[in-house]
Amino acid sequence: MSPTKIARTLRCGLSTVQRRLRLLRRKLGRNLAELRALASQFQSIEDSLTDSRARRIYRKGATQSGEDPEESQG
């Protein structure tokens, strides 16, 4: 969407939309067109996190490459 259409849809000022878009570009270090290309991947990540099976994942252990946290402390 164009900044004008975003402002109209969200009922806020165009300058607010433009300022936030600039902030996003600066914080993310990416052009918004690049992020738009990744939108489907973001959606699949969000879907996987809301999957009912995801509640049973021990997330802290998943980041430790399969090691038992007690064993790695030695």
N, C-alpha and C. Protein backbone atom coordinates (compact mmCIF):
# COMPACT_ATOMS: atom_id res chain seq x y z
N MET A 1 0.84 -1.19 0.00
CA MET A 1 0.00 0.00 0.00
C MET A 1 0.88 1.25 0.00
N SER A 2 0.36 2.26 -0.53
CA SER A 2 1.09 3.54 -0.52
C SER A 2 0.95 4.19 0.85
N PRO A 3 1.88 5.05 1.21
CA PRO A 3 1.76 5.74 2.50
C PRO A 3 0.43 6.49 2.65
N THR A 4 -0.05 7.07 1.54
CA THR A 4 -1.33 7.79 1.59
C THR A 4 -2.47 6.84 1.92
N LYS A 5 -2.47 5.67 1.29
CA LYS A 5 -3.54 4.71 1.53
C LYS A 5 -3.45 4.14 2.96
N ILE A 6 -2.24 3.93 3.44
CA ILE A 6 -2.05 3.46 4.81
C ILE A 6 -2.61 4.48 5.80
N ALA A 7 -2.28 5.76 5.58
CA ALA A 7 -2.77 6.82 6.46
C ALA A 7 -4.29 6.88 6.45
N ARG A 8 -4.87 6.75 5.28
CA ARG A 8 -6.33 6.79 5.17
C ARG A 8 -6.96 5.59 5.88
N THR A 9 -6.38 4.40 5.68
CA THR A 9 -6.91 3.18 6.29
C THR A 9 -6.82 3.23 7.81
N LEU A 10 -5.69 3.71 8.32
CA LEU A 10 -5.48 3.74 9.76
C LEU A 10 -5.99 5.02 10.42
N ARG A 11 -6.48 5.92 9.58
CA ARG A 11 -7.02 7.20 10.07
C ARG A 11 -5.98 7.96 10.90
N CYS A 12 -4.81 8.12 10.32
CA CYS A 12 -3.77 8.91 10.96
C CYS A 12 -3.12 9.80 9.91
N GLY A 13 -2.24 10.66 10.34
CA GLY A 13 -1.60 11.59 9.43
C GLY A 13 -0.58 10.94 8.52
N LEU A 14 -0.46 11.47 7.33
CA LEU A 14 0.51 10.97 6.37
C LEU A 14 1.92 11.10 6.92
N SER A 15 2.21 12.20 7.61
CA SER A 15 3.55 12.39 8.16
C SER A 15 3.88 11.32 9.20
N THR A 16 2.88 10.88 9.95
CA THR A 16 3.09 9.81 10.94
C THR A 16 3.49 8.52 10.23
N VAL A 17 2.78 8.19 9.17
CA VAL A 17 3.07 6.96 8.41
C VAL A 17 4.47 7.05 7.82
N GLN A 18 4.81 8.18 7.21
CA GLN A 18 6.13 8.33 6.59
C GLN A 18 7.23 8.25 7.64
N ARG A 19 7.03 8.85 8.78
CA ARG A 19 8.03 8.81 9.86
C ARG A 19 8.24 7.37 10.34
N ARG A 20 7.16 6.64 10.50
CA ARG A 20 7.28 5.25 10.98
C ARG A 20 7.90 4.34 9.93
N LEU A 21 7.62 4.59 8.67
CA LEU A 21 8.25 3.80 7.61
C LEU A 21 9.76 4.05 7.58
N ARG A 22 10.16 5.30 7.75
CA ARG A 22 11.60 5.62 7.82
C ARG A 22 12.25 4.93 9.02
N LEU A 23 11.55 4.96 10.15
CA LEU A 23 12.07 4.31 11.36
C LEU A 23 12.24 2.81 11.13
N LEU A 24 11.26 2.18 10.49
CA LEU A 24 11.36 0.75 10.19
C LEU A 24 12.57 0.46 9.30
N ARG A 25 12.74 1.27 8.27
CA ARG A 25 13.89 1.06 7.37
C ARG A 25 15.20 1.17 8.13
N ARG A 26 15.28 2.17 8.99
CA ARG A 26 16.52 2.40 9.74
C ARG A 26 16.77 1.28 10.75
N LYS A 27 15.74 0.89 11.50
CA LYS A 27 15.89 -0.14 12.55
C LYS A 27 16.16 -1.52 11.96
N LEU A 28 15.48 -1.84 10.87
CA LEU A 28 15.61 -3.18 10.29
C LEU A 28 16.76 -3.29 9.30
N GLY A 29 17.25 -2.17 8.83
CA GLY A 29 18.34 -2.19 7.88
C GLY A 29 17.96 -2.79 6.54
N ARG A 30 16.70 -2.79 6.25
CA ARG A 30 16.20 -3.36 5.00
C ARG A 30 15.19 -2.43 4.37
N ASN A 31 15.12 -2.49 3.06
CA ASN A 31 14.09 -1.79 2.33
C ASN A 31 12.77 -2.52 2.57
N LEU A 32 11.69 -1.79 2.64
CA LEU A 32 10.40 -2.42 2.90
C LEU A 32 9.98 -3.38 1.79
N ALA A 33 10.43 -3.14 0.57
CA ALA A 33 10.13 -4.06 -0.52
C ALA A 33 10.77 -5.42 -0.26
N GLU A 34 11.97 -5.43 0.32
CA GLU A 34 12.63 -6.69 0.66
C GLU A 34 11.84 -7.43 1.73
N LEU A 35 11.34 -6.70 2.71
CA LEU A 35 10.56 -7.33 3.77
C LEU A 35 9.24 -7.87 3.24
N ARG A 36 8.66 -7.14 2.29
CA ARG A 36 7.40 -7.60 1.70
C ARG A 36 7.61 -8.94 1.01
N ALA A 37 8.78 -9.14 0.41
CA ALA A 37 9.09 -10.40 -0.26
C ALA A 37 9.20 -11.54 0.75
N LEU A 38 9.52 -11.22 2.00
CA LEU A 38 9.65 -12.24 3.05
C LEU A 38 8.36 -12.45 3.84
N ALA A 39 7.31 -11.73 3.50
CA ALA A 39 6.07 -11.76 4.28
C ALA A 39 5.51 -13.18 4.41
N SER A 40 5.58 -13.98 3.37
CA SER A 40 5.04 -15.33 3.45
C SER A 40 5.83 -16.17 4.45
N GLN A 41 7.13 -15.95 4.53
CA GLN A 41 7.94 -16.68 5.51
C GLN A 41 7.58 -16.24 6.93
N PHE A 42 7.36 -14.93 7.13
CA PHE A 42 6.94 -14.45 8.44
C PHE A 42 5.60 -15.07 8.84
N GLN A 43 4.70 -15.19 7.85
CA GLN A 43 3.39 -15.77 8.13
C GLN A 43 3.52 -17.23 8.54
N SER A 44 4.39 -17.99 7.87
CA SER A 44 4.55 -19.40 8.22
C SER A 44 5.19 -19.55 9.60
N ILE A 45 6.10 -18.63 9.98
CA ILE A 45 6.68 -18.66 11.32
C ILE A 45 5.60 -18.38 12.35
N GLU A 46 4.77 -17.37 12.10
CA GLU A 46 3.68 -17.06 13.02
C GLU A 46 2.72 -18.23 13.16
N ASP A 47 2.39 -18.86 12.05
CA ASP A 47 1.49 -20.02 12.08
C ASP A 47 2.09 -21.16 12.89
N SER A 48 3.39 -21.39 12.74
CA SER A 48 4.03 -22.49 13.47
C SER A 48 4.06 -22.22 14.97
N LEU A 49 4.18 -20.95 15.36
CA LEU A 49 4.21 -20.61 16.78
C LEU A 49 2.84 -20.72 17.42
N THR A 50 1.79 -20.56 16.64
CA THR A 50 0.45 -20.67 17.19
C THR A 50 -0.10 -22.09 17.08
N ASP A 51 0.67 -22.99 16.48
CA ASP A 51 0.27 -24.39 16.37
C ASP A 51 0.15 -24.98 17.78
N SER A 52 -0.90 -25.71 18.04
CA SER A 52 -1.13 -26.27 19.37
C SER A 52 0.01 -27.20 19.80
N ARG A 53 0.68 -27.82 18.85
CA ARG A 53 1.79 -28.71 19.19
C ARG A 53 3.01 -27.94 19.67
N ALA A 54 3.09 -26.64 19.34
CA ALA A 54 4.25 -25.84 19.70
C ALA A 54 4.34 -25.61 21.21
N ARG A 55 3.25 -25.76 21.92
CA ARG A 55 3.27 -25.54 23.37
C ARG A 55 4.12 -26.58 24.09
N ARG A 56 4.33 -27.73 23.48
CA ARG A 56 5.09 -28.79 24.15
C ARG A 56 6.58 -28.73 23.86
N ILE A 57 7.03 -27.78 23.09
CA ILE A 57 8.45 -27.68 22.75
C ILE A 57 9.20 -27.00 23.88
N TYR A 58 10.29 -27.62 24.30
CA TYR A 58 11.16 -27.01 25.31
C TYR A 58 12.11 -26.09 24.55
N ARG A 59 11.72 -24.82 24.42
CA ARG A 59 12.42 -23.88 23.56
C ARG A 59 13.85 -23.61 24.02
N LYS A 60 14.09 -23.52 25.30
CA LYS A 60 15.43 -23.25 25.78
C LYS A 60 16.37 -24.38 25.38
N GLY A 61 15.91 -25.60 25.49
CA GLY A 61 16.72 -26.74 25.11
C GLY A 61 16.92 -26.84 23.61
N ALA A 62 15.96 -26.32 22.85
CA ALA A 62 16.06 -26.38 21.39
C ALA A 62 17.20 -25.51 20.88
N THR A 63 17.58 -24.50 21.62
CA THR A 63 18.66 -23.61 21.18
C THR A 63 20.03 -24.10 21.59
N GLN A 64 20.10 -25.16 22.35
CA GLN A 64 21.39 -25.65 22.83
C GLN A 64 21.89 -26.85 22.04
N SER A 65 21.51 -26.92 20.80
CA SER A 65 21.96 -27.96 19.88
C SER A 65 21.87 -29.37 20.45
N GLY A 66 20.77 -29.65 21.14
CA GLY A 66 20.53 -31.01 21.61
C GLY A 66 21.24 -31.39 22.88
N GLU A 67 22.02 -30.51 23.47
CA GLU A 67 22.73 -30.84 24.70
C GLU A 67 21.81 -30.72 25.90
N ASP A 68 22.05 -31.56 26.88
CA ASP A 68 21.33 -31.47 28.14
C ASP A 68 21.89 -30.29 28.92
N PRO A 69 21.05 -29.32 29.35
CA PRO A 69 21.57 -28.14 30.01
C PRO A 69 22.37 -28.46 31.28
N GLU A 70 22.02 -29.52 32.00
CA GLU A 70 22.73 -29.86 33.22
C GLU A 70 24.11 -30.45 32.90
N GLU A 71 24.20 -31.21 31.81
CA GLU A 71 25.48 -31.81 31.42
C GLU A 71 26.46 -30.76 30.93
N SER A 72 25.98 -29.71 30.26
CA SER A 72 26.87 -28.72 29.69
C SER A 72 27.50 -27.84 30.77
N GLN A 73 26.91 -27.80 31.98
CA GLN A 73 27.46 -27.00 33.05
C GLN A 73 28.61 -27.73 33.74
N GLY A 74 28.74 -28.99 33.49
CA GLY A 74 29.87 -29.79 33.88
C GLY A 74 30.03 -30.13 35.25
